[in-house]
C-alpha cells in the first residue's frame, strides 16, 4: 500500500476526541527541540484538551531521544515516524494521526508564548473561525535574509494579505475546514504554499495582533537552503500547483492574475539563484517562461515587490535581472 493511501485513510478514519492537535515536524533539531516542547507543555490550556504530535523525519542526531525523555513524563506527547522525504510529508504524517478539532503547527526550532493556543482557540470558538492567526517575531535576532510576513486580515482577504500570511506555523485551523478542502492533498501538491489556498477558501478568518510565536532564524532547518537551485525550480512547480488547486476548488474568479504573479516572482528568484550558481541553462529557461507570461504587464508585480522589498530592489529584479546575465550574476553574488 502506498504512503499516500496509508496517510489519507488514517486521517479520514480517526475520530475527533481532543480540542487541539499541535504538530511538530522534526529533523536533526537536538539543539532546539527541548525549548520548543517545553514552551508547549508550559502553555495555559484553560479548559481545552490537547495532544502534541512530534514527527521524527529520520533524524540522525539525538532529537528522537530527547522527545522520548519528554514522553516519559507527559502522556500528551506522541512520537511518530515521518517518511524522511521533506517537510510537507512530515506535516501530512502528523495530520494523519491528529485527533483535535483544531490543528496547529510549531516548527521544532521555534517556541511559543504560554497563551498562544488559548488565545487562538478562544477566538476561533467565539467567531466560529476556520483560520485564526497571531503575530510573530524573529529570534535570536533579526536577519536580512528574512522579512517579517504578517498583516492583519479584515473581512475579505486580498492578495496583499496573502503575501504576508503564507506560513502555517502561527495559525490555528479548524480540522473540519481542512477536511472540506482536502488539505492532505493540497499539502502533498503545494507544500506549505497550500496556506495561500486556505486563506482564499476560508469564509471566516480572525487575526490576533499580538506576538505569540517566535521564529528562529540564522540556522539550517527543514525549510532548506537559500542557494539551492533545485529548491527554486521546485518552488515554481509548487506555485503552479497552488493555482491549479484554486481552480479545482472553484475559487479562481479574480485570483488568476495574482497566482500568475506568484509564478512570476518564483521565476525571478530563480534568475538570481541561477546567477549565483552560474547556471545559465536555468537562467534561459526562466527568462523564456517569464516572457510567455508577459510578466511586465502583471498588475501585482511592481506593487507587491515594491512593498515587500523596496522600490530599488524590486525594479532591479523586474527590469534588469531578466535582460542581463551579467547583472543576474552580480545580484546573485550579492545575495
Protein backbone atom coordinates (compact mmCIF):
# COMPACT_ATOMS: atom_id res chain seq x y z
CA UNK A 1 0.00 0.00 0.00
CA UNK A 2 1.35 3.45 -0.92
CA UNK A 3 2.34 6.09 1.64
CA UNK A 4 -0.39 8.38 0.27
CA UNK A 5 -3.13 5.77 0.80
CA UNK A 6 -1.91 4.95 4.32
CA UNK A 7 -1.79 8.62 5.37
CA UNK A 8 -5.10 9.63 3.86
CA UNK A 9 -7.06 6.61 5.10
CA UNK A 10 -5.67 7.08 8.61
CA UNK A 11 -6.56 10.77 8.52
CA UNK A 12 -10.16 10.20 7.45
CA UNK A 13 -10.93 7.30 9.77
CA UNK A 14 -9.76 8.74 13.11
CA UNK A 15 -12.41 10.06 15.48
CA UNK A 16 -12.06 13.58 16.86
CA UNK A 17 -11.54 13.39 20.62
CA UNK A 18 -9.49 16.45 21.58
CA UNK A 19 -9.69 20.20 21.11
CA UNK A 20 -6.23 20.89 19.66
CA UNK A 21 -3.54 18.82 17.97
CA UNK A 22 -0.15 20.55 17.94
CA UNK A 23 2.06 19.00 15.26
CA UNK A 24 5.86 19.38 15.35
CA UNK A 25 7.79 18.22 12.25
CA UNK A 26 11.34 17.43 13.40
CA UNK A 27 14.62 16.57 11.75
CA UNK A 28 18.02 16.89 13.46
CA UNK A 29 16.80 19.52 15.91
CA UNK A 30 18.61 18.33 19.03
CA UNK A 31 19.84 21.84 19.81
CA UNK A 32 16.34 23.34 19.79
CA UNK A 33 13.56 20.81 20.24
CA UNK A 34 13.66 20.88 24.05
CA UNK A 35 12.88 24.59 24.10
CA UNK A 36 10.10 24.01 21.59
CA UNK A 37 8.40 21.22 23.53
CA UNK A 38 8.88 22.93 26.90
CA UNK A 39 7.14 26.04 25.61
CA UNK A 40 4.14 23.95 24.55
CA UNK A 41 3.96 21.95 27.79
CA UNK A 42 4.03 25.22 29.79
CA UNK A 43 1.12 26.71 27.86
CA UNK A 44 -2.02 27.95 29.54
CA UNK A 45 -4.62 25.42 28.46
CA UNK A 46 -7.69 26.95 30.05
CA UNK A 47 -10.32 24.27 29.55
CA UNK A 48 -9.14 22.88 26.22
CA UNK A 49 -7.63 19.43 25.77
CA UNK A 50 -4.65 18.84 23.51
CA UNK A 51 -2.05 16.48 22.16
CA UNK A 52 1.48 17.12 20.87
CA UNK A 53 2.45 15.02 17.85
CA UNK A 54 6.18 15.05 17.12
CA UNK A 55 7.01 13.71 13.67
CA UNK A 56 10.61 12.46 13.60
CA UNK A 57 11.54 12.80 9.94
CA UNK A 58 14.51 10.39 10.02
CA UNK A 59 16.69 12.39 12.41
CA UNK A 60 20.31 11.24 12.64
CA UNK A 61 21.16 13.14 15.83
CA UNK A 62 19.74 12.88 19.39
CA UNK A 63 16.43 14.60 18.62
CA UNK A 64 14.41 11.41 18.99
CA UNK A 65 15.98 10.53 22.35
CA UNK A 66 15.17 14.00 23.66
CA UNK A 67 11.50 13.62 22.71
CA UNK A 68 11.39 10.14 24.25
CA UNK A 69 12.53 11.63 27.56
CA UNK A 70 9.66 14.13 27.44
CA UNK A 71 7.23 11.29 26.66
CA UNK A 72 8.15 9.52 29.89
CA UNK A 73 6.59 12.29 31.97
CA UNK A 74 3.82 13.61 29.71
CA UNK A 75 1.13 11.49 28.10
CA UNK A 76 0.11 14.31 25.76
CA UNK A 77 3.25 13.78 23.67
CA UNK A 78 3.11 11.32 20.81
CA UNK A 79 6.20 10.45 18.79
CA UNK A 80 5.69 9.08 15.29
CA UNK A 81 7.95 8.34 12.35
CA UNK A 82 7.97 10.58 9.30
CA UNK A 83 8.80 9.30 5.82
CA UNK A 84 12.07 11.25 5.67
CA UNK A 85 11.30 12.91 2.33
CA UNK A 86 10.68 16.50 3.35
CA UNK A 87 8.70 18.96 5.42
CA UNK A 88 5.35 18.64 3.64
CA UNK A 89 5.20 14.86 4.06
CA UNK A 90 6.24 15.19 7.71
CA UNK A 91 3.35 17.61 8.22
CA UNK A 92 0.99 15.17 6.49
CA UNK A 93 2.17 12.29 8.66
CA UNK A 94 1.32 14.28 11.78
CA UNK A 95 -2.02 15.40 10.39
CA UNK A 96 -2.95 11.80 9.62
CA UNK A 97 -2.70 10.98 13.33
CA UNK A 98 -4.30 14.15 14.69
CA UNK A 99 -7.42 13.84 16.86
CA UNK A 100 -8.07 17.51 17.57
CA UNK A 101 -10.92 19.71 16.40
CA UNK A 102 -8.27 22.29 15.62
CA UNK A 103 -4.79 21.86 14.16
CA UNK A 104 -1.70 23.94 14.90
CA UNK A 105 1.87 23.51 13.68
CA UNK A 106 5.02 24.52 15.55
CA UNK A 107 8.42 24.06 13.91
CA UNK A 108 10.87 22.13 16.08
CA UNK A 109 13.37 25.01 16.27
CA UNK A 110 10.80 27.63 17.32
CA UNK A 111 8.85 28.28 20.51
CA UNK A 112 5.53 29.79 21.53
CA UNK A 113 4.15 32.08 24.22
CA UNK A 114 2.25 30.27 27.02
CA UNK A 115 -1.09 31.74 25.97
CA UNK A 116 -0.74 31.33 22.20
CA UNK A 117 -3.08 28.42 21.65
CA UNK A 118 -5.52 29.54 24.37
CA UNK A 119 -5.88 32.95 22.70
CA UNK A 120 -6.27 31.41 19.24
CA UNK A 121 -8.64 28.69 20.45
CA UNK A 122 -10.95 31.05 22.33
CA UNK A 123 -11.04 33.46 19.39
CA UNK A 124 -11.81 30.64 16.97
CA UNK A 125 -14.59 29.30 19.17
CA UNK A 126 -16.20 32.71 19.66
CA UNK A 127 -16.17 33.61 15.97
CA UNK A 128 -16.53 30.11 14.52
CA UNK A 129 -13.39 30.92 12.55
CA UNK A 130 -11.81 28.46 10.18
CA UNK A 131 -8.40 30.11 10.49
CA UNK A 132 -7.08 32.12 13.43
CA UNK A 133 -3.75 33.93 13.06
CA UNK A 134 -1.35 35.59 15.52
CA UNK A 135 1.63 37.88 15.04
CA UNK A 136 5.19 36.59 15.47
CA UNK A 137 8.78 37.76 15.76
CA UNK A 138 12.29 36.56 14.88
CA UNK A 139 14.89 35.32 17.33
CA UNK A 140 17.67 35.23 18.44
CA UNK A 141 17.97 38.40 16.32
CA UNK A 142 16.59 39.96 13.16
CA UNK A 143 18.15 38.94 9.86
CA UNK A 144 18.47 40.50 6.42
CA UNK A 145 17.69 37.08 4.91
CA UNK A 146 14.07 37.12 6.00
CA UNK A 147 11.43 39.81 6.20
CA UNK A 148 8.51 39.60 8.56
CA UNK A 149 5.38 38.47 6.76
CA UNK A 150 2.37 39.43 8.87
CA UNK A 151 -0.63 41.62 8.11
CA UNK A 152 -3.95 41.69 9.97
CA UNK A 153 -6.80 40.46 7.78
CA UNK A 154 -10.04 42.44 7.85
CA UNK A 155 -13.10 40.69 6.47
CA UNK A 156 -12.34 39.84 2.82
CA UNK A 157 -8.80 38.56 2.15
CA UNK A 158 -6.74 40.37 -0.51
CA UNK A 159 -3.60 39.37 -2.45
CA UNK A 160 -1.63 41.72 -0.21
CA UNK A 161 -2.94 39.92 2.89
CA UNK A 162 -1.93 36.55 1.47
CA UNK A 163 1.59 37.79 0.75
CA UNK A 164 2.07 38.46 4.46
CA UNK A 165 0.41 35.37 5.90
CA UNK A 166 1.50 32.30 3.95
CA UNK A 167 3.19 30.38 6.77
CA UNK A 168 1.37 27.56 8.59
CA UNK A 169 3.02 27.84 11.99
CA UNK A 170 1.42 30.96 13.53
CA UNK A 171 -2.13 29.78 12.94
CA UNK A 172 -4.88 27.54 14.26
CA UNK A 173 -7.02 25.75 11.68
CA UNK A 174 -10.41 24.13 12.02
CA UNK A 175 -9.94 20.46 11.20
CA UNK A 176 -13.42 20.35 9.69
CA UNK A 177 -12.33 23.11 7.29
CA UNK A 178 -9.12 21.24 6.41
CA UNK A 179 -11.23 18.18 5.61
CA UNK A 180 -13.58 20.20 3.42
CA UNK A 181 -10.75 21.46 1.19
CA UNK A 182 -8.85 18.13 1.28
CA UNK A 183 -5.81 19.67 2.88
CA UNK A 184 -3.93 16.38 2.83
CA UNK A 185 -3.99 16.58 -0.96
CA UNK A 186 -3.23 20.31 -1.00
CA UNK A 187 -0.22 19.84 1.26
CA UNK A 188 1.10 17.00 -0.87
CA UNK A 189 0.82 19.03 -4.08
CA UNK A 190 1.60 22.55 -2.85
CA UNK A 191 3.72 22.04 0.30
CA UNK A 192 3.45 24.99 2.71
CA UNK A 193 2.27 27.16 -0.17
CA UNK A 194 -1.08 25.45 0.37
CA UNK A 195 -1.65 28.09 3.05
CA UNK A 196 -2.37 30.63 0.31
CA UNK A 197 -5.17 28.39 -0.95
CA UNK A 198 -6.58 28.02 2.58
CA UNK A 199 -6.71 31.78 3.05
CA UNK A 200 -8.76 32.14 -0.15
CA UNK A 201 -11.05 29.21 0.71
CA UNK A 202 -11.79 30.24 4.31
CA UNK A 203 -15.08 32.02 4.97
CA UNK A 204 -14.03 33.30 8.41
CA UNK A 205 -10.51 34.39 9.39
CA UNK A 206 -9.61 36.04 12.69
CA UNK A 207 -6.32 37.88 13.24
CA UNK A 208 -4.82 38.44 16.70
CA UNK A 209 -2.48 41.42 16.55
CA UNK A 210 -0.19 40.11 19.28
CA UNK A 211 3.21 38.38 19.11
CA UNK A 212 2.62 34.82 20.31
CA UNK A 213 5.03 32.82 18.14
CA UNK A 214 8.83 33.06 17.99
CA UNK A 215 10.50 32.03 14.72
CA UNK A 216 14.18 31.08 14.79
CA UNK A 217 16.44 32.46 12.07
CA UNK A 218 20.12 32.13 11.16
CA UNK A 219 20.50 28.34 11.11
CA UNK A 220 19.89 25.27 8.96
CA UNK A 221 16.39 23.79 9.14
CA UNK A 222 13.84 21.57 7.39
CA UNK A 223 12.84 24.53 5.23
CA UNK A 224 16.09 24.16 3.28
CA UNK A 225 18.87 26.24 1.76
CA UNK A 226 18.65 29.73 0.31
CA UNK A 227 21.08 28.93 -2.52
CA UNK A 228 19.90 25.51 -3.74
CA UNK A 229 18.83 25.93 -7.39
CA UNK A 230 16.69 22.81 -7.19
CA UNK A 231 14.68 24.31 -4.36
CA UNK A 232 13.72 27.29 -6.52
CA UNK A 233 12.87 25.15 -9.54
CA UNK A 234 10.66 23.05 -7.29
CA UNK A 235 9.08 26.20 -5.87
CA UNK A 236 7.93 27.22 -9.35
CA UNK A 237 6.12 23.90 -9.74
CA UNK A 238 4.58 24.20 -6.27
CA UNK A 239 3.31 27.67 -7.12
CA UNK A 240 1.70 26.39 -10.31
CA UNK A 241 0.07 23.68 -8.21
CA UNK A 242 -1.43 26.38 -5.97
CA UNK A 243 -3.09 27.96 -9.00
CA UNK A 244 -4.46 24.58 -10.12
CA UNK A 245 -5.79 23.92 -6.61
CA UNK A 246 -7.71 27.21 -6.53
CA UNK A 247 -9.28 26.33 -9.88
CA UNK A 248 -10.18 22.83 -8.65
CA UNK A 249 -11.92 24.28 -5.58
CA UNK A 250 -13.92 26.67 -7.76
CA UNK A 251 -12.28 29.73 -6.19
CA UNK A 252 -10.31 31.05 -9.13
CA UNK A 253 -12.51 34.01 -10.06
CA UNK A 254 -10.50 37.18 -9.51
CA UNK A 255 -7.35 35.28 -8.48
CA UNK A 256 -5.79 34.22 -11.81
CA UNK A 257 -3.54 37.25 -12.13
CA UNK A 258 -2.40 37.04 -8.52
CA UNK A 259 -1.26 33.45 -8.96
CA UNK A 260 0.44 34.45 -12.21
CA UNK A 261 2.31 36.99 -10.07
CA UNK A 262 3.36 34.27 -7.63
CA UNK A 263 4.73 32.19 -10.52
CA UNK A 264 6.49 35.24 -11.96
CA UNK A 265 8.11 36.04 -8.63
CA UNK A 266 9.30 32.45 -8.28
CA UNK A 267 10.87 32.70 -11.75
CA UNK A 268 12.57 36.00 -10.85
CA UNK A 269 14.02 34.38 -7.73
CA UNK A 270 15.34 31.54 -9.88
CA UNK A 271 17.11 34.05 -12.14
CA UNK A 272 19.07 35.38 -9.15
CA UNK A 273 19.95 31.91 -7.84
CA UNK A 274 20.92 30.78 -11.34
CA UNK A 275 23.25 33.76 -11.50
CA UNK A 276 24.73 32.93 -8.12
CA UNK A 277 25.31 29.31 -9.10
CA UNK A 278 26.45 30.10 -12.67
CA UNK A 279 23.54 28.12 -14.16
CA UNK A 280 22.93 29.86 -17.48
CA UNK A 281 20.69 26.98 -18.57
CA UNK A 282 18.26 27.71 -15.74
CA UNK A 283 18.50 31.44 -16.42
CA UNK A 284 17.49 30.97 -20.08
CA UNK A 285 14.63 28.67 -19.13
CA UNK A 286 13.24 31.14 -16.58
CA UNK A 287 13.55 34.13 -18.92
CA UNK A 288 11.63 32.28 -21.63
CA UNK A 289 8.81 31.43 -19.24
CA UNK A 290 8.68 34.99 -17.93
CA UNK A 291 8.21 36.26 -21.47
CA UNK A 292 5.42 33.77 -22.08
CA UNK A 293 3.62 35.15 -19.01
CA UNK A 294 4.06 38.77 -20.22
CA UNK A 295 5.37 39.42 -16.75
CA UNK A 296 5.81 43.19 -17.03
CA UNK A 297 2.06 43.59 -17.57
CA UNK A 298 1.08 41.86 -14.34
CA UNK A 299 -0.75 44.40 -12.17
CA UNK A 300 0.50 42.94 -8.87
CA UNK A 301 4.17 42.55 -9.71
CA UNK A 302 5.53 46.04 -9.02
CA UNK A 303 3.12 46.97 -6.23
CA UNK A 304 3.75 43.84 -4.16
CA UNK A 305 7.50 43.72 -4.73
CA UNK A 306 7.85 47.44 -4.01
CA UNK A 307 6.09 46.90 -0.69
CA UNK A 308 7.98 43.74 0.17
CA UNK A 309 11.49 44.71 -0.93
CA UNK A 310 11.57 48.44 -1.61
CA UNK A 311 11.36 50.16 -4.99
CA UNK A 312 15.07 49.98 -5.87
CA UNK A 313 15.49 46.26 -5.25
CA UNK A 314 12.20 45.36 -6.85
CA UNK A 315 12.90 47.34 -10.03
CA UNK A 316 16.37 45.80 -10.38
CA UNK A 317 14.73 42.41 -10.08
CA UNK A 318 11.93 43.21 -12.55
CA UNK A 319 13.69 45.34 -15.16
CA UNK A 320 17.38 44.44 -15.13
CA UNK A 321 17.91 40.85 -13.99
CA UNK A 322 15.72 39.29 -16.74
CA UNK A 323 17.56 41.12 -19.54
CA UNK A 324 21.18 40.72 -18.45
CA UNK A 325 23.01 37.55 -17.45
CA UNK A 326 25.85 39.70 -16.14
CA UNK A 327 23.51 41.60 -13.83
CA UNK A 328 21.91 38.33 -12.72
CA UNK A 329 25.35 37.03 -11.73
CA UNK A 330 26.18 40.25 -9.89
CA UNK A 331 22.89 40.28 -7.97
CA UNK A 332 23.35 36.58 -7.24
CA UNK A 333 26.84 37.25 -5.90
CA UNK A 334 25.44 39.93 -3.57
CA UNK A 335 22.53 37.71 -2.45
